[in-house]
């Protein structure tokens, strides 16, 4: 079986991610909610919804990834690389291999919410990522912020 060209896989992945984003209608900006308690519960629910709207199209509902047509989508569940919150934020902000970047589609708050969801719901990694840490990661990456 012939493997797909890397650029074709990246294009298909970006198209899937963008399509999932648009199909779900998740293009609005989140309101700023900070603090713990009910606000933290809302942020956690928001992260879960973003995962369902965007990430699960490729990484699947159980976050175990998959493959086909030459593409390999890595598992997020049980992935030791996600223990490093900075690495996880960096992948969402800048993309990696066939995964598109989301710094211009999601707010820093939304990126923090989905990263926290993946690191706690599908894994048991301590420590939460803050919106400020995502803003700093975007600034350090050299990518333009949509704000």
C-alpha atoms as a PDB file:
ATOM      1  CA  UNK A   1       0.000   0.000   0.000  1.00  0.00           C
ATOM      2  CA  UNK A   2       1.339   3.418  -0.936  1.00  0.00           C
ATOM      3  CA  UNK A   3       1.675   5.945   1.885  1.00  0.00           C
ATOM      4  CA  UNK A   4       0.143   9.386   1.467  1.00  0.00           C
ATOM      5  CA  UNK A   5       2.529  12.291   1.007  1.00  0.00           C
ATOM      6  CA  UNK A   6       3.147  14.226   4.267  1.00  0.00           C
ATOM      7  CA  UNK A   7       1.716  17.415   2.774  1.00  0.00           C
ATOM      8  CA  UNK A   8      -1.460  15.554   1.763  1.00  0.00           C
ATOM      9  CA  UNK A   9      -1.844  14.162   5.279  1.00  0.00           C
ATOM     10  CA  UNK A  10      -1.306  17.624   6.814  1.00  0.00           C
ATOM     11  CA  UNK A  11      -3.809  19.151   4.418  1.00  0.00           C
ATOM     12  CA  UNK A  12      -6.379  16.462   5.144  1.00  0.00           C
ATOM     13  CA  UNK A  13      -5.843  16.806   8.890  1.00  0.00           C
ATOM     14  CA  UNK A  14      -6.170  20.588   8.735  1.00  0.00           C
ATOM     15  CA  UNK A  15      -9.287  20.253   6.638  1.00  0.00           C
ATOM     16  CA  UNK A  16     -10.801  17.767   9.101  1.00  0.00           C
ATOM     17  CA  UNK A  17      -9.967  20.009  12.047  1.00  0.00           C
ATOM     18  CA  UNK A  18     -11.335  23.116  10.365  1.00  0.00           C
ATOM     19  CA  UNK A  19     -14.414  21.245   9.181  1.00  0.00           C
ATOM     20  CA  UNK A  20     -15.099  19.918  12.648  1.00  0.00           C
ATOM     21  CA  UNK A  21     -14.646  23.396  14.055  1.00  0.00           C
ATOM     22  CA  UNK A  22     -17.041  24.975  11.600  1.00  0.00           C
ATOM     23  CA  UNK A  23     -19.568  22.141  11.679  1.00  0.00           C
ATOM     24  CA  UNK A  24     -19.769  22.385  15.423  1.00  0.00           C
ATOM     25  CA  UNK A  25     -20.290  26.130  15.259  1.00  0.00           C
ATOM     26  CA  UNK A  26     -17.476  26.641  17.727  1.00  0.00           C
ATOM     27  CA  UNK A  27     -16.071  29.841  16.331  1.00  0.00           C
ATOM     28  CA  UNK A  28     -17.096  32.368  18.975  1.00  0.00           C
ATOM     29  CA  UNK A  29     -14.899  33.749  21.705  1.00  0.00           C
ATOM     30  CA  UNK A  30     -15.286  32.474  25.248  1.00  0.00           C
ATOM     31  CA  UNK A  31     -16.082  34.875  28.048  1.00  0.00           C
ATOM     32  CA  UNK A  32     -13.350  35.401  30.609  1.00  0.00           C
ATOM     33  CA  UNK A  33     -14.078  33.420  33.749  1.00  0.00           C
ATOM     34  CA  UNK A  34     -11.383  33.067  36.375  1.00  0.00           C
ATOM     35  CA  UNK A  35     -11.084  31.536  39.801  1.00  0.00           C
ATOM     36  CA  UNK A  36     -12.070  28.158  41.231  1.00  0.00           C
ATOM     37  CA  UNK A  37     -15.311  26.501  42.222  1.00  0.00           C
ATOM     38  CA  UNK A  38     -18.140  26.954  39.730  1.00  0.00           C
ATOM     39  CA  UNK A  39     -15.858  28.853  37.344  1.00  0.00           C
ATOM     40  CA  UNK A  40     -13.405  25.933  37.311  1.00  0.00           C
ATOM     41  CA  UNK A  41     -16.267  23.504  36.677  1.00  0.00           C
ATOM     42  CA  UNK A  42     -17.401  25.680  33.761  1.00  0.00           C
ATOM     43  CA  UNK A  43     -13.862  25.706  32.349  1.00  0.00           C
ATOM     44  CA  UNK A  44     -13.680  21.927  32.660  1.00  0.00           C
ATOM     45  CA  UNK A  45     -17.004  21.523  30.851  1.00  0.00           C
ATOM     46  CA  UNK A  46     -15.817  23.950  28.179  1.00  0.00           C
ATOM     47  CA  UNK A  47     -12.666  21.882  27.635  1.00  0.00           C
ATOM     48  CA  UNK A  48     -14.751  18.749  27.212  1.00  0.00           C
ATOM     49  CA  UNK A  49     -17.011  20.445  24.694  1.00  0.00           C
ATOM     50  CA  UNK A  50     -14.057  21.780  22.689  1.00  0.00           C
ATOM     51  CA  UNK A  51     -12.587  18.276  22.629  1.00  0.00           C
ATOM     52  CA  UNK A  52     -15.876  16.887  21.295  1.00  0.00           C
ATOM     53  CA  UNK A  53     -16.282  19.703  18.760  1.00  0.00           C
ATOM     54  CA  UNK A  54     -12.744  19.702  17.394  1.00  0.00           C
ATOM     55  CA  UNK A  55     -10.305  17.094  18.663  1.00  0.00           C
ATOM     56  CA  UNK A  56     -12.400  13.958  18.644  1.00  0.00           C
ATOM     57  CA  UNK A  57     -12.800  14.114  14.855  1.00  0.00           C
ATOM     58  CA  UNK A  58      -9.208  12.869  14.594  1.00  0.00           C
ATOM     59  CA  UNK A  59      -8.238  11.597  18.052  1.00  0.00           C
ATOM     60  CA  UNK A  60     -11.597   9.796  18.515  1.00  0.00           C
ATOM     61  CA  UNK A  61     -14.037   9.958  21.421  1.00  0.00           C
ATOM     62  CA  UNK A  62     -11.852   7.742  23.624  1.00  0.00           C
ATOM     63  CA  UNK A  63      -8.705   9.742  22.693  1.00  0.00           C
ATOM     64  CA  UNK A  64      -6.948   6.560  21.583  1.00  0.00           C
ATOM     65  CA  UNK A  65      -6.144   7.944  18.145  1.00  0.00           C
ATOM     66  CA  UNK A  66      -6.129   5.896  15.012  1.00  0.00           C
ATOM     67  CA  UNK A  67      -4.878   5.669  11.500  1.00  0.00           C
ATOM     68  CA  UNK A  68      -5.795   4.940   7.967  1.00  0.00           C
ATOM     69  CA  UNK A  69      -4.801   5.975   4.474  1.00  0.00           C
ATOM     70  CA  UNK A  70      -1.230   6.452   5.642  1.00  0.00           C
ATOM     71  CA  UNK A  71      -2.129   8.815   8.479  1.00  0.00           C
ATOM     72  CA  UNK A  72      -1.343   7.994  12.083  1.00  0.00           C
ATOM     73  CA  UNK A  73      -3.242   9.988  14.688  1.00  0.00           C
ATOM     74  CA  UNK A  74      -1.502   9.659  18.061  1.00  0.00           C
ATOM     75  CA  UNK A  75      -3.371   8.572  21.149  1.00  0.00           C
ATOM     76  CA  UNK A  76      -3.891  11.257  23.752  1.00  0.00           C
ATOM     77  CA  UNK A  77      -5.142   8.807  26.378  1.00  0.00           C
ATOM     78  CA  UNK A  78      -2.217   7.339  28.255  1.00  0.00           C
ATOM     79  CA  UNK A  79       0.299   9.442  26.333  1.00  0.00           C
ATOM     80  CA  UNK A  80       3.262  10.190  28.653  1.00  0.00           C
ATOM     81  CA  UNK A  81       4.304  13.212  26.546  1.00  0.00           C
ATOM     82  CA  UNK A  82       1.218  15.057  27.800  1.00  0.00           C
ATOM     83  CA  UNK A  83       2.601  15.009  31.355  1.00  0.00           C
ATOM     84  CA  UNK A  84       4.589  18.058  30.236  1.00  0.00           C
ATOM     85  CA  UNK A  85       1.940  20.768  30.116  1.00  0.00           C
ATOM     86  CA  UNK A  86       4.248  23.057  28.129  1.00  0.00           C
ATOM     87  CA  UNK A  87       4.676  20.427  25.421  1.00  0.00           C
ATOM     88  CA  UNK A  88       0.910  19.908  25.231  1.00  0.00           C
ATOM     89  CA  UNK A  89       0.201  23.634  24.955  1.00  0.00           C
ATOM     90  CA  UNK A  90       2.922  23.981  22.321  1.00  0.00           C
ATOM     91  CA  UNK A  91       1.377  21.276  20.132  1.00  0.00           C
ATOM     92  CA  UNK A  92      -2.063  22.890  20.301  1.00  0.00           C
ATOM     93  CA  UNK A  93      -0.648  26.377  19.686  1.00  0.00           C
ATOM     94  CA  UNK A  94       1.795  25.538  16.853  1.00  0.00           C
ATOM     95  CA  UNK A  95       0.592  22.184  15.560  1.00  0.00           C
ATOM     96  CA  UNK A  96       2.870  19.231  14.958  1.00  0.00           C
ATOM     97  CA  UNK A  97       3.401  16.904  11.996  1.00  0.00           C
ATOM     98  CA  UNK A  98      -0.094  16.428  10.551  1.00  0.00           C
ATOM     99  CA  UNK A  99      -1.910  18.312  13.326  1.00  0.00           C
ATOM    100  CA  UNK A 100      -2.944  21.864  12.500  1.00  0.00           C
ATOM    101  CA  UNK A 101      -2.293  24.772  14.844  1.00  0.00           C
ATOM    102  CA  UNK A 102      -5.160  26.278  16.797  1.00  0.00           C
ATOM    103  CA  UNK A 103      -3.693  29.552  18.094  1.00  0.00           C
ATOM    104  CA  UNK A 104      -5.789  31.451  15.563  1.00  0.00           C
ATOM    105  CA  UNK A 105      -9.006  29.428  16.011  1.00  0.00           C
ATOM    106  CA  UNK A 106      -9.202  29.167  19.792  1.00  0.00           C
ATOM    107  CA  UNK A 107      -8.678  31.774  22.482  1.00  0.00           C
ATOM    108  CA  UNK A 108      -5.925  31.237  25.055  1.00  0.00           C
ATOM    109  CA  UNK A 109      -8.681  30.397  27.557  1.00  0.00           C
ATOM    110  CA  UNK A 110     -10.133  27.764  25.225  1.00  0.00           C
ATOM    111  CA  UNK A 111      -6.681  26.263  24.610  1.00  0.00           C
ATOM    112  CA  UNK A 112      -6.093  26.064  28.377  1.00  0.00           C
ATOM    113  CA  UNK A 113      -9.516  24.453  28.846  1.00  0.00           C
ATOM    114  CA  UNK A 114      -9.001  21.720  26.250  1.00  0.00           C
ATOM    115  CA  UNK A 115      -5.412  21.028  27.339  1.00  0.00           C
ATOM    116  CA  UNK A 116      -6.576  20.680  30.946  1.00  0.00           C
ATOM    117  CA  UNK A 117      -9.412  18.397  29.833  1.00  0.00           C
ATOM    118  CA  UNK A 118      -7.112  16.071  27.897  1.00  0.00           C
ATOM    119  CA  UNK A 119      -4.503  15.981  30.660  1.00  0.00           C
ATOM    120  CA  UNK A 120      -7.047  15.159  33.385  1.00  0.00           C
ATOM    121  CA  UNK A 121      -9.937  13.352  31.673  1.00  0.00           C
ATOM    122  CA  UNK A 122      -7.907  10.946  29.523  1.00  0.00           C
ATOM    123  CA  UNK A 123      -4.843  10.975  31.784  1.00  0.00           C
ATOM    124  CA  UNK A 124      -4.113  11.697  35.427  1.00  0.00           C
ATOM    125  CA  UNK A 125      -1.536  14.456  35.120  1.00  0.00           C
ATOM    126  CA  UNK A 126      -1.425  17.047  37.904  1.00  0.00           C
ATOM    127  CA  UNK A 127      -1.320  20.798  37.469  1.00  0.00           C
ATOM    128  CA  UNK A 128      -3.572  22.946  35.394  1.00  0.00           C
ATOM    129  CA  UNK A 129      -2.577  25.216  32.551  1.00  0.00           C
ATOM    130  CA  UNK A 130      -3.687  28.823  32.956  1.00  0.00           C
ATOM    131  CA  UNK A 131      -4.787  31.224  30.281  1.00  0.00           C
ATOM    132  CA  UNK A 132      -1.724  33.356  31.112  1.00  0.00           C
ATOM    133  CA  UNK A 133       0.575  30.381  30.429  1.00  0.00           C
ATOM    134  CA  UNK A 134      -1.034  29.908  27.017  1.00  0.00           C
ATOM    135  CA  UNK A 135      -0.637  33.623  26.231  1.00  0.00           C
ATOM    136  CA  UNK A 136       3.048  33.334  27.175  1.00  0.00           C
ATOM    137  CA  UNK A 137       3.454  30.206  25.019  1.00  0.00           C
ATOM    138  CA  UNK A 138       1.895  31.979  22.037  1.00  0.00           C
ATOM    139  CA  UNK A 139       4.193  34.981  22.522  1.00  0.00           C
ATOM    140  CA  UNK A 140       7.272  32.753  22.877  1.00  0.00           C
ATOM    141  CA  UNK A 141       6.353  30.706  19.794  1.00  0.00           C
ATOM    142  CA  UNK A 142       6.477  33.707  17.501  1.00  0.00           C
ATOM    143  CA  UNK A 143       3.024  33.019  16.040  1.00  0.00           C
ATOM    144  CA  UNK A 144       0.648  35.923  15.702  1.00  0.00           C
ATOM    145  CA  UNK A 145      -2.122  36.112  18.284  1.00  0.00           C
ATOM    146  CA  UNK A 146      -5.655  36.734  16.977  1.00  0.00           C
ATOM    147  CA  UNK A 147      -6.324  39.243  19.764  1.00  0.00           C
END
